[in-house]
Every structure is written in C-alpha cells, then in structure tokens.
Protein backbone atom coordinates (compact mmCIF):
# COMPACT_ATOMS: atom_id res chain seq x y z
CA THR A 1 49.91 166.89 49.20
CA TYR A 2 47.13 166.43 51.43
CA LEU A 3 46.35 163.32 53.53
CA THR A 4 42.19 163.32 54.88
CA GLU A 5 41.48 159.91 56.93
CA ILE A 6 37.48 159.60 57.67
CA ASN A 7 36.46 157.29 59.97
CA PHE A 8 33.03 156.13 59.92
CA SER A 9 30.76 154.05 62.18
CA PHE A 10 27.02 152.83 61.98
CA ASN A 11 25.09 150.26 63.15
CA VAL A 12 22.85 147.49 61.75
CA ASN A 13 19.64 146.49 63.12
CA THR A 14 19.05 142.78 63.18
CA THR A 15 16.52 143.00 65.59
CA LYS A 16 12.51 141.74 64.64
CA PRO A 17 10.15 144.05 66.35
CA THR A 18 7.09 142.87 68.58
CA ILE A 19 4.00 143.69 69.64
CA ASP A 20 2.11 144.45 72.97
CA GLY A 21 -1.55 143.61 73.23
CA ALA A 22 -1.83 140.29 71.09
CA SER A 23 0.35 136.57 71.35
CA THR A 24 2.19 134.48 69.85
CA SER A 25 0.43 131.54 70.79
CA MET A 26 -3.00 130.68 69.03
CA ASP A 27 -4.57 130.07 72.17
CA ASP A 28 -3.89 132.87 74.78
CA LEU A 29 -5.25 135.64 74.25
CA TYR A 30 -9.23 136.10 73.78
CA GLU A 31 -10.84 139.85 73.35
CA LYS A 32 -14.62 140.76 74.22
CA ASN A 33 -14.52 144.46 73.40
CA SER A 34 -12.26 145.47 71.04
CA ILE A 35 -8.52 144.82 69.82
CA GLU A 36 -5.64 147.67 70.60
CA LEU A 37 -1.98 147.28 69.45
CA LYS A 38 1.28 148.46 70.36
CA GLY A 39 4.11 147.97 67.95
CA ILE A 40 7.55 147.71 69.75
CA ASP A 41 11.22 148.80 68.07
CA ASN A 42 14.44 149.85 70.50
CA GLY A 43 16.07 150.06 67.22
CA SER A 44 15.02 152.34 64.45
CA GLY A 45 11.45 152.20 65.56
CA ILE A 46 7.74 151.14 63.66
CA ASP A 47 7.23 151.24 60.79
CA SER A 48 3.21 149.90 60.05
CA ILE A 49 1.64 147.04 61.87
CA TYR A 50 -0.20 143.99 59.31
CA VAL A 51 -3.40 142.63 60.17
CA GLN A 52 -5.19 139.45 58.52
CA GLU A 53 -8.90 139.67 59.82
CA PRO A 54 -11.03 136.66 60.35
CA ASN A 55 -12.39 134.90 56.78
CA SER A 56 -9.72 136.20 54.74
CA VAL A 57 -6.38 135.12 53.10
CA ASN A 58 -4.43 138.99 52.81
CA PHE A 59 -2.35 140.66 55.22
CA ILE A 60 -3.53 144.48 55.55
CA LYS A 61 -1.79 147.57 56.33
CA MET A 62 -3.59 149.28 59.74
CA SER A 63 -4.20 153.11 59.59
CA ASN A 64 -4.32 153.12 63.52
CA SER A 65 -3.52 150.31 65.98
CA LEU A 66 -7.36 150.18 67.89
CA ILE A 67 -10.23 148.01 66.37
CA LYS A 68 -13.38 149.18 67.75
CA LYS A 69 -15.88 146.73 66.55
CA PRO A 70 -14.20 143.54 65.06
CA GLN A 71 -15.92 140.90 63.50
CA ASN A 72 -15.48 137.67 65.92
CA GLY A 73 -12.88 135.10 64.75
CA LEU A 74 -8.67 134.89 64.47
CA TYR A 75 -6.55 137.73 64.20
CA ILE A 76 -2.90 137.34 62.50
CA PHE A 77 -0.72 140.85 63.40
CA TYR A 78 3.00 141.64 61.83
CA SER A 79 4.93 144.26 62.69
CA LYS A 80 7.68 146.01 60.30
CA ASN A 81 9.93 147.87 61.50
CA ASN A 82 12.07 151.33 59.91
CA VAL A 83 15.01 148.97 58.44
CA GLY A 84 12.14 145.98 56.79
CA ASN A 85 12.55 143.97 59.73
CA THR A 86 8.88 142.16 60.36
CA SER A 87 8.36 140.13 63.56
CA ASN A 88 6.79 136.77 64.37
CA TYR A 89 2.64 136.41 63.76
CA TYR A 90 0.99 137.23 67.09
CA TYR A 91 -2.75 136.26 67.56
CA VAL A 92 -6.10 137.77 68.96
CA TYR A 93 -9.56 135.44 69.33
CA PHE A 94 -11.79 138.31 69.32
CA ASP A 95 -15.37 136.68 70.40
CA ASN A 96 -17.97 138.84 71.91
CA ILE A 97 -20.69 135.73 72.28
CA ASN A 98 -21.22 135.22 75.82
CA PRO A 99 -21.93 131.72 76.14
CA THR A 100 -25.24 130.57 77.52
CA GLY A 101 -25.86 127.16 79.24
CA VAL A 102 -27.83 125.43 81.44
CA PHE A 103 -28.51 124.85 85.45
CA LYS A 104 -29.87 121.66 86.75
CA ASP A 105 -30.25 121.10 90.30
CA ILE A 106 -30.54 117.20 91.61
CA ASN A 107 -34.32 116.54 89.84
CA GLY A 108 -32.88 117.68 86.73
CA LYS A 109 -35.03 120.79 86.75
CA GLY A 110 -32.90 123.99 85.88
CA ALA A 111 -33.19 127.23 83.86
CA LYS A 112 -30.98 128.65 80.96
CA VAL A 113 -28.90 131.02 82.15
CA ASP A 114 -26.56 133.41 79.79
CA VAL A 115 -22.89 133.63 81.31
CA ILE A 116 -21.06 137.03 81.97
C-alpha cells in the first residue's frame, strides 16, 4: 500500500478592478478632445471595459480604450476582471463646445467673445 500526500493552495481574487482616466464622481472629470481609459487589476488582469454612452440605457463592451470623437454628454464606464469581479461606475463628461460670453465695460458697451 502506498500513501501519497498532495497539498493544494490557491488564491481567491475578490478585489474589484479600477479604471484610470475616469472619475468615481459625476462632478470631477470633464474632457473636450477624446476619452482614453485604462483598466487596472493587479490580480487576474482586466477582461474588458464597458461603456454607456450619452442618451443610451445599455452598456456595450468597448473594442479599445480610446473614444476619439465622442458625442457630448455623460459617459459611464465599468470594468470586469478575468475572474468576473466588476468595478464601481466611473464617469467622464464630454463637452467640446466652447462657452461664449459678453464682456461689458462700465458704460454697458461690450463684445461677444469665445472662451477657449
């Protein structure tokens, strides 16, 4: 009779991934040229990033991490790592319209200007 002892060990990844290039607050991050994201997960690695575009109710899997010509509005993102853990929501508000205004002197005379 032979006796064989086998020991196993494994790690359980319960850590949520994160996203760099977006904010966990809806008030913090504004962009005007493009949106570039990076999923971060030090355990199993990032499987995918999902985006909900402005005026949409569905999340779609991003094919790459750069949105070159986004439409104006709020983008919501989350990432998923290779074991299925999902991040919190991350936000980017895209706005490529320069504000305009009128500067007036003390006499009420002014000119319309574009603010860059």
